[in-house]
Protein backbone atom coordinates (compact mmCIF):
# COMPACT_ATOMS: atom_id res chain seq x y z
CA MET A 1 134.78 122.10 45.42
CA PHE A 2 137.44 120.69 47.73
CA GLN A 3 140.73 122.53 47.96
CA PRO A 4 143.91 121.46 49.75
CA VAL A 5 144.68 123.62 52.79
CA LEU A 6 147.19 121.73 54.95
CA SER A 7 149.56 118.79 54.85
CA ILE A 8 148.35 115.92 57.04
CA SER A 9 151.81 115.84 58.66
CA ALA A 10 151.35 119.43 59.89
CA LEU A 11 149.05 118.36 62.75
CA ALA A 12 149.61 115.98 65.64
CA GLU A 13 146.74 114.11 67.26
CA GLY A 14 144.71 116.54 69.40
CA GLY A 15 146.15 119.58 67.64
CA HIS A 16 144.68 122.39 65.61
CA ALA A 17 145.92 124.93 63.08
CA ALA A 18 144.54 128.10 61.56
CA VAL A 19 144.51 128.45 57.78
CA LYS A 20 143.19 131.10 55.39
CA VAL A 21 141.06 129.67 52.58
CA GLU A 22 139.86 131.44 49.44
CA SER A 23 136.11 131.32 48.89
CA GLU A 24 133.66 132.83 46.42
CA ARG A 25 133.17 135.71 48.91
CA GLY A 26 136.85 136.23 49.69
CA PRO A 27 139.27 134.70 52.20
CA ILE A 28 137.90 132.88 55.24
CA ASP A 29 139.82 131.92 58.38
CA VAL A 30 139.37 128.23 59.18
CA ILE A 31 140.55 126.00 62.02
CA ILE A 32 141.62 122.46 61.10
CA CYS A 33 141.60 119.95 64.00
CA LEU A 34 142.81 116.35 64.25
CA ILE A 35 140.91 114.36 66.85
CA GLU A 36 140.80 110.57 67.18
CA GLY A 37 142.40 110.24 63.76
CA GLN A 38 139.77 112.39 62.00
CA PHE A 39 140.22 115.87 60.57
CA HIS A 40 137.55 118.52 61.19
CA ALA A 41 137.19 122.06 59.84
CA ILE A 42 135.29 124.98 61.38
CA HIS A 43 135.06 128.72 60.89
CA ALA A 44 137.75 130.37 63.01
CA GLN A 45 135.59 133.13 64.46
CA CYS A 46 133.48 132.94 67.60
CA SER A 47 129.81 133.68 66.93
CA HIS A 48 129.56 135.73 70.14
CA ALA A 49 132.24 138.43 69.92
CA ARG A 50 133.94 137.67 66.58
CA GLN A 51 137.12 136.67 68.45
CA SER A 52 139.54 134.37 66.63
CA LEU A 53 139.48 130.78 67.83
CA ALA A 54 143.04 130.21 66.55
CA THR A 55 144.48 130.49 70.08
CA GLY A 56 141.53 128.73 71.70
CA ARG A 57 142.00 125.61 73.79
CA LEU A 58 141.03 122.31 72.17
CA ARG A 59 139.77 119.67 74.63
CA GLY A 60 138.31 116.57 73.09
CA PHE A 61 135.90 117.69 70.40
CA GLU A 62 135.42 121.20 71.85
CA ILE A 63 137.36 124.37 71.15
CA SER A 64 136.97 127.32 73.50
CA CYS A 65 137.04 131.00 72.68
CA PRO A 66 139.99 132.70 74.41
CA LEU A 67 137.97 135.88 75.10
CA HIS A 68 134.84 134.77 77.01
CA GLY A 69 135.12 130.97 77.09
CA ALA A 70 132.31 130.06 74.68
CA ARG A 71 132.78 126.51 73.36
CA PHE A 72 132.03 124.88 70.02
CA ASP A 73 131.94 121.28 68.80
CA VAL A 74 134.54 121.01 66.02
CA ARG A 75 132.58 118.19 64.34
CA THR A 76 129.45 120.27 63.74
CA GLY A 77 130.15 123.87 64.76
CA ALA A 78 127.40 123.62 67.41
CA CYS A 79 127.67 125.99 70.35
CA THR A 80 128.15 123.95 73.54
CA ALA A 81 128.69 126.70 76.15
CA ALA A 82 127.66 130.33 76.67
CA PRO A 83 128.04 133.20 76.19
CA ALA A 84 127.78 132.26 72.49
CA GLN A 85 124.35 131.03 71.45
CA ARG A 86 124.75 130.57 67.69
CA PRO A 87 126.75 127.83 65.98
CA ILE A 88 129.72 128.48 63.72
CA ALA A 89 130.12 126.98 60.25
CA SER A 90 131.69 123.57 59.85
CA PHE A 91 133.06 122.40 56.52
CA PRO A 92 133.32 119.00 54.79
CA VAL A 93 136.83 117.52 54.93
CA LEU A 94 138.53 115.10 52.55
CA VAL A 95 142.06 113.71 52.87
CA GLU A 96 143.72 113.24 49.50
CA ALA A 97 147.35 112.78 48.45
CA GLY A 98 148.67 113.65 51.91
CA LYS A 99 146.66 116.88 52.11
CA VAL A 100 143.67 117.99 54.16
CA CYS A 101 141.13 119.36 51.68
CA ILE A 102 137.98 121.29 52.59
CA ASP A 103 134.96 122.60 50.74
CA ILE A 104 133.86 126.03 52.00
CA ASN A 105 131.53 127.00 49.16
């Protein structure tokens, strides 16, 4: 079920924002990114050391972990650079009525 999490006007091209989203298992921290006119949503925690990606650097479609530099593709959650080896979750995104909506369940 899609739920609105952010106004589309809250992000500039190439930007990202951290949001907390309620799920069936409790709140989850999510990063919303706007790249090449498309919104993407990923879990906001590095799979290597559980560090928050909220302050990570976004370059193109990759966000880097501020602790050890692991990188993840924001389109799929795939790990693209060590030391992380496991992907992070990515979530379906829908834009509706001026809001970014995601489905985390």
